[in-house]
Amino acid sequence: MNLREETLNENIIYEGNILKLVNQEVKLPDENRAFREIVRHSGGVAIIAFIDDENILLVEQFRKPFDRNFLEIPAGKIDKNDIDYKIGALRELEEETGYSTQNIKFIGKIAPSPGFCDEEVNIYVAKNLYKRQILFKDEDEFLNLKVASLKHVKKMICKGKIIDAKTIAAIFFLENI
């Protein structure tokens, strides 16, 4: 069976700084019609940043939808000026951690919430970090930089202390490249 849904029309419900919410009328495979609410997102990057052979950088950040702090790998959205995702990854690494590198490699891509959002997150691993002065920082972003062993991060994931999807997926990719 062909599962494709044909878009008949699309209306913008909301357009903000980082996302757009649209309502689509679609024709289903059985010829019936339905509506889909879709979040359009520019995409993002996430970085497993090795501070040495065993330890990675994490950021602790308050996440309002959950009303609590999350531990995550450094990450952020793609800017329209980014020529490619690697440039965005290097920018986010520097903005969130104060570190940079010449040694960064793409290891995978995820769609965190494909049921309602078109966001894709490109995941990188960075090694041979060097300290930089943080030149640019999002004015509404507050975070604490943490260092943890990869082994400890895996334990926190298994115990439900880290539930951020991009962090969990990044560790999976790292283990399987």
C-alpha atoms as a PDB file:
ATOM      1  CA  MET A   1       0.000   0.000   0.000  1.00  0.00           C
ATOM      2  CA  ASN A   2       1.212   3.491  -0.834  1.00  0.00           C
ATOM      3  CA  LEU A   3       1.170   5.398   2.480  1.00  0.00           C
ATOM      4  CA  ARG A   4       1.830   8.867   1.053  1.00  0.00           C
ATOM      5  CA  GLU A   5      -0.540  11.684   2.001  1.00  0.00           C
ATOM      6  CA  GLU A   6      -1.124  14.322  -0.643  1.00  0.00           C
ATOM      7  CA  THR A   7      -1.160  17.929   0.609  1.00  0.00           C
ATOM      8  CA  LEU A   8      -4.281  19.697  -0.636  1.00  0.00           C
ATOM      9  CA  ASN A   9      -3.724  23.040   1.104  1.00  0.00           C
ATOM     10  CA  GLU A  10      -1.706  24.585   3.902  1.00  0.00           C
ATOM     11  CA  ASN A  11      -2.451  27.506   6.222  1.00  0.00           C
ATOM     12  CA  ILE A  12       0.059  29.203   8.507  1.00  0.00           C
ATOM     13  CA  ILE A  13      -1.339  29.295  12.041  1.00  0.00           C
ATOM     14  CA  TYR A  14       1.669  30.892  13.749  1.00  0.00           C
ATOM     15  CA  GLU A  15       5.133  32.059  12.719  1.00  0.00           C
ATOM     16  CA  GLY A  16       7.752  32.812  15.369  1.00  0.00           C
ATOM     17  CA  ASN A  17      11.513  33.157  15.686  1.00  0.00           C
ATOM     18  CA  ILE A  18      12.396  29.462  15.618  1.00  0.00           C
ATOM     19  CA  LEU A  19       9.325  27.706  14.280  1.00  0.00           C
ATOM     20  CA  LYS A  20       6.240  27.948  12.159  1.00  0.00           C
ATOM     21  CA  LEU A  21       2.997  26.072  12.877  1.00  0.00           C
ATOM     22  CA  VAL A  22       0.960  25.087   9.838  1.00  0.00           C
ATOM     23  CA  ASN A  23      -2.316  23.269   9.344  1.00  0.00           C
ATOM     24  CA  GLN A  24      -2.496  21.059   6.284  1.00  0.00           C
ATOM     25  CA  GLU A  25      -5.487  19.401   4.681  1.00  0.00           C
ATOM     26  CA  VAL A  26      -4.337  16.081   3.222  1.00  0.00           C
ATOM     27  CA  LYS A  27      -5.767  13.337   1.074  1.00  0.00           C
ATOM     28  CA  LEU A  28      -5.173   9.964   2.725  1.00  0.00           C
ATOM     29  CA  PRO A  29      -4.234   6.743   0.898  1.00  0.00           C
ATOM     30  CA  ASP A  30      -7.905   5.649   1.065  1.00  0.00           C
ATOM     31  CA  GLU A  31      -8.974   8.960  -0.607  1.00  0.00           C
ATOM     32  CA  ASN A  32     -10.465  10.381   2.628  1.00  0.00           C
ATOM     33  CA  ARG A  33      -9.308  13.763   3.896  1.00  0.00           C
ATOM     34  CA  ALA A  34      -7.713  14.708   7.202  1.00  0.00           C
ATOM     35  CA  PHE A  35      -5.918  17.624   8.831  1.00  0.00           C
ATOM     36  CA  ARG A  36      -2.329  17.697  10.066  1.00  0.00           C
ATOM     37  CA  GLU A  37      -0.802  20.267  12.412  1.00  0.00           C
ATOM     38  CA  ILE A  38       2.895  20.492  11.580  1.00  0.00           C
ATOM     39  CA  VAL A  39       5.720  22.410  13.223  1.00  0.00           C
ATOM     40  CA  ARG A  40       8.226  23.681  10.646  1.00  0.00           C
ATOM     41  CA  HIS A  41      11.727  24.039  12.106  1.00  0.00           C
ATOM     42  CA  SER A  42      15.018  25.157  10.560  1.00  0.00           C
ATOM     43  CA  GLY A  43      16.867  22.138  11.943  1.00  0.00           C
ATOM     44  CA  GLY A  44      19.590  21.746  14.470  1.00  0.00           C
ATOM     45  CA  VAL A  45      22.990  20.387  15.340  1.00  0.00           C
ATOM     46  CA  ALA A  46      24.311  18.535  18.366  1.00  0.00           C
ATOM     47  CA  ILE A  47      27.898  17.811  19.344  1.00  0.00           C
ATOM     48  CA  ILE A  48      29.527  15.132  21.474  1.00  0.00           C
ATOM     49  CA  ALA A  49      32.543  17.179  22.547  1.00  0.00           C
ATOM     50  CA  PHE A  50      35.417  15.165  24.013  1.00  0.00           C
ATOM     51  CA  ILE A  51      37.453  17.186  26.503  1.00  0.00           C
ATOM     52  CA  ASP A  52      39.875  14.221  26.696  1.00  0.00           C
ATOM     53  CA  ASP A  53      39.755  10.513  25.790  1.00  0.00           C
ATOM     54  CA  GLU A  54      37.084   9.629  28.383  1.00  0.00           C
ATOM     55  CA  ASN A  55      35.170  12.801  29.251  1.00  0.00           C
ATOM     56  CA  ILE A  56      32.635  14.845  27.330  1.00  0.00           C
ATOM     57  CA  LEU A  57      31.094  18.257  27.792  1.00  0.00           C
ATOM     58  CA  LEU A  58      27.447  18.536  28.820  1.00  0.00           C
ATOM     59  CA  VAL A  59      25.313  21.592  29.315  1.00  0.00           C
ATOM     60  CA  GLU A  60      22.764  21.917  32.081  1.00  0.00           C
ATOM     61  CA  GLN A  61      19.885  24.035  30.897  1.00  0.00           C
ATOM     62  CA  PHE A  62      16.398  24.869  32.172  1.00  0.00           C
ATOM     63  CA  ARG A  63      13.754  23.592  29.758  1.00  0.00           C
ATOM     64  CA  LYS A  64      10.478  25.435  30.233  1.00  0.00           C
ATOM     65  CA  PRO A  65       8.184  22.828  28.607  1.00  0.00           C
ATOM     66  CA  PHE A  66       9.254  20.427  31.394  1.00  0.00           C
ATOM     67  CA  ASP A  67       9.829  23.101  34.075  1.00  0.00           C
ATOM     68  CA  ARG A  68      13.143  21.567  35.075  1.00  0.00           C
ATOM     69  CA  ASN A  69      16.824  21.380  34.225  1.00  0.00           C
ATOM     70  CA  PHE A  70      18.073  18.983  31.564  1.00  0.00           C
ATOM     71  CA  LEU A  71      21.581  17.635  30.997  1.00  0.00           C
ATOM     72  CA  GLU A  72      22.366  17.545  27.280  1.00  0.00           C
ATOM     73  CA  ILE A  73      25.209  17.586  24.837  1.00  0.00           C
ATOM     74  CA  PRO A  74      25.843  21.052  23.358  1.00  0.00           C
ATOM     75  CA  ALA A  75      23.348  21.796  20.596  1.00  0.00           C
ATOM     76  CA  GLY A  76      21.434  24.502  18.821  1.00  0.00           C
ATOM     77  CA  LYS A  77      19.447  25.507  15.805  1.00  0.00           C
ATOM     78  CA  ILE A  78      20.778  26.107  12.335  1.00  0.00           C
ATOM     79  CA  ASP A  79      20.947  29.735  11.233  1.00  0.00           C
ATOM     80  CA  LYS A  80      19.937  30.673   7.694  1.00  0.00           C
ATOM     81  CA  ASN A  81      23.474  32.039   7.183  1.00  0.00           C
ATOM     82  CA  ASP A  82      25.109  28.665   7.880  1.00  0.00           C
ATOM     83  CA  ILE A  83      26.668  27.359   4.667  1.00  0.00           C
ATOM     84  CA  ASP A  84      26.536  23.832   6.042  1.00  0.00           C
ATOM     85  CA  TYR A  85      25.645  22.118   9.291  1.00  0.00           C
ATOM     86  CA  LYS A  86      29.294  21.744  10.339  1.00  0.00           C
ATOM     87  CA  ILE A  87      29.598  25.541  10.580  1.00  0.00           C
ATOM     88  CA  GLY A  88      26.505  25.613  12.788  1.00  0.00           C
ATOM     89  CA  ALA A  89      27.924  22.828  14.938  1.00  0.00           C
ATOM     90  CA  LEU A  90      31.202  24.700  15.443  1.00  0.00           C
ATOM     91  CA  ARG A  91      29.316  27.906  16.284  1.00  0.00           C
ATOM     92  CA  GLU A  92      27.080  26.162  18.827  1.00  0.00           C
ATOM     93  CA  LEU A  93      30.044  24.368  20.390  1.00  0.00           C
ATOM     94  CA  GLU A  94      31.809  27.688  20.880  1.00  0.00           C
ATOM     95  CA  GLU A  95      28.697  29.576  22.048  1.00  0.00           C
ATOM     96  CA  GLU A  96      27.676  26.986  24.617  1.00  0.00           C
ATOM     97  CA  THR A  97      31.045  25.743  25.877  1.00  0.00           C
ATOM     98  CA  GLY A  98      33.757  28.245  24.975  1.00  0.00           C
ATOM     99  CA  TYR A  99      35.631  25.488  23.094  1.00  0.00           C
ATOM    100  CA  SER A 100      36.396  24.985  19.424  1.00  0.00           C
ATOM    101  CA  THR A 101      38.181  22.414  17.282  1.00  0.00           C
ATOM    102  CA  GLN A 102      39.510  21.596  13.843  1.00  0.00           C
ATOM    103  CA  ASN A 103      38.532  17.947  14.417  1.00  0.00           C
ATOM    104  CA  ILE A 104      34.766  17.597  13.962  1.00  0.00           C
ATOM    105  CA  LYS A 105      32.986  14.746  12.192  1.00  0.00           C
ATOM    106  CA  PHE A 106      29.371  14.065  11.238  1.00  0.00           C
ATOM    107  CA  ILE A 107      28.104  10.803  12.788  1.00  0.00           C
ATOM    108  CA  GLY A 108      24.350  10.757  12.222  1.00  0.00           C
ATOM    109  CA  LYS A 109      21.004  12.479  11.887  1.00  0.00           C
ATOM    110  CA  ILE A 110      17.702  12.156  13.767  1.00  0.00           C
ATOM    111  CA  ALA A 111      14.121  13.363  13.427  1.00  0.00           C
ATOM    112  CA  PRO A 112      13.227  13.938  17.116  1.00  0.00           C
ATOM    113  CA  SER A 113       9.435  14.213  16.728  1.00  0.00           C
ATOM    114  CA  PRO A 114       8.354  13.158  13.212  1.00  0.00           C
ATOM    115  CA  GLY A 115       4.700  12.848  14.209  1.00  0.00           C
ATOM    116  CA  PHE A 116       4.285  16.631  14.227  1.00  0.00           C
ATOM    117  CA  CYS A 117       7.619  18.350  13.488  1.00  0.00           C
ATOM    118  CA  ASP A 118       9.950  18.401  10.456  1.00  0.00           C
ATOM    119  CA  GLU A 119      13.085  19.178  12.522  1.00  0.00           C
ATOM    120  CA  GLU A 120      16.228  17.203  11.741  1.00  0.00           C
ATOM    121  CA  VAL A 121      19.210  17.270  14.088  1.00  0.00           C
ATOM    122  CA  ASN A 122      22.645  16.575  12.617  1.00  0.00           C
ATOM    123  CA  ILE A 123      25.000  15.036  15.164  1.00  0.00           C
ATOM    124  CA  TYR A 124      28.764  15.519  15.275  1.00  0.00           C
ATOM    125  CA  VAL A 125      31.652  14.303  17.370  1.00  0.00           C
ATOM    126  CA  ALA A 126      34.391  16.814  18.221  1.00  0.00           C
ATOM    127  CA  LYS A 127      37.858  16.020  19.574  1.00  0.00           C
ATOM    128  CA  ASN A 128      41.087  17.925  20.235  1.00  0.00           C
ATOM    129  CA  LEU A 129      39.205  20.843  21.747  1.00  0.00           C
ATOM    130  CA  TYR A 130      40.893  24.106  22.567  1.00  0.00           C
ATOM    131  CA  LYS A 131      39.569  26.885  24.782  1.00  0.00           C
ATOM    132  CA  ARG A 132      38.228  30.014  23.127  1.00  0.00           C
ATOM    133  CA  GLN A 133      36.737  33.161  24.496  1.00  0.00           C
ATOM    134  CA  ILE A 134      32.973  33.059  24.084  1.00  0.00           C
ATOM    135  CA  LEU A 135      32.361  35.824  21.563  1.00  0.00           C
ATOM    136  CA  PHE A 136      28.676  35.290  20.932  1.00  0.00           C
ATOM    137  CA  LYS A 137      26.024  33.965  23.274  1.00  0.00           C
ATOM    138  CA  ASP A 138      22.269  33.901  22.945  1.00  0.00           C
ATOM    139  CA  GLU A 139      21.034  36.644  25.281  1.00  0.00           C
ATOM    140  CA  ASP A 140      18.189  34.502  26.617  1.00  0.00           C
ATOM    141  CA  GLU A 141      20.252  31.334  27.117  1.00  0.00           C
ATOM    142  CA  PHE A 142      21.626  30.460  30.545  1.00  0.00           C
ATOM    143  CA  LEU A 143      23.498  27.237  31.133  1.00  0.00           C
ATOM    144  CA  ASN A 144      26.053  25.493  33.278  1.00  0.00           C
ATOM    145  CA  LEU A 145      28.926  23.644  31.639  1.00  0.00           C
ATOM    146  CA  LYS A 146      29.577  20.146  33.034  1.00  0.00           C
ATOM    147  CA  VAL A 147      32.171  17.471  32.334  1.00  0.00           C
ATOM    148  CA  ALA A 148      31.266  13.794  32.667  1.00  0.00           C
ATOM    149  CA  SER A 149      32.804  10.522  31.639  1.00  0.00           C
ATOM    150  CA  LEU A 150      31.128   8.769  28.748  1.00  0.00           C
ATOM    151  CA  LYS A 151      30.557   5.796  31.060  1.00  0.00           C
ATOM    152  CA  HIS A 152      28.741   8.006  33.581  1.00  0.00           C
ATOM    153  CA  VAL A 153      26.618   9.606  30.832  1.00  0.00           C
ATOM    154  CA  LYS A 154      25.502   6.138  29.696  1.00  0.00           C
ATOM    155  CA  LYS A 155      24.527   5.268  33.290  1.00  0.00           C
ATOM    156  CA  MET A 156      22.543   8.519  33.608  1.00  0.00           C
ATOM    157  CA  ILE A 157      20.701   7.672  30.378  1.00  0.00           C
ATOM    158  CA  CYS A 158      19.858   4.156  31.615  1.00  0.00           C
ATOM    159  CA  LYS A 159      18.634   5.533  34.960  1.00  0.00           C
ATOM    160  CA  GLY A 160      16.414   8.144  33.262  1.00  0.00           C
ATOM    161  CA  LYS A 161      18.463  11.099  34.538  1.00  0.00           C
ATOM    162  CA  ILE A 162      19.232  12.109  30.939  1.00  0.00           C
ATOM    163  CA  ILE A 163      16.130  11.882  28.737  1.00  0.00           C
ATOM    164  CA  ASP A 164      17.087  14.319  25.981  1.00  0.00           C
ATOM    165  CA  ALA A 165      16.586  12.467  22.680  1.00  0.00           C
ATOM    166  CA  LYS A 166      19.489  14.038  20.780  1.00  0.00           C
ATOM    167  CA  THR A 167      21.911  13.175  23.583  1.00  0.00           C
ATOM    168  CA  ILE A 168      20.714   9.571  23.738  1.00  0.00           C
ATOM    169  CA  ALA A 169      20.837   9.217  19.941  1.00  0.00           C
ATOM    170  CA  ALA A 170      24.308  10.775  19.817  1.00  0.00           C
ATOM    171  CA  ILE A 171      25.652   8.220  22.310  1.00  0.00           C
ATOM    172  CA  PHE A 172      24.070   5.441  20.219  1.00  0.00           C
ATOM    173  CA  PHE A 173      25.740   6.743  17.045  1.00  0.00           C
ATOM    174  CA  LEU A 174      29.058   7.098  18.832  1.00  0.00           C
ATOM    175  CA  GLU A 175      28.903   3.465  19.968  1.00  0.00           C
ATOM    176  CA  ASN A 176      28.074   2.227  16.489  1.00  0.00           C
ATOM    177  CA  ILE A 177      30.360   4.124  14.108  1.00  0.00           C
END
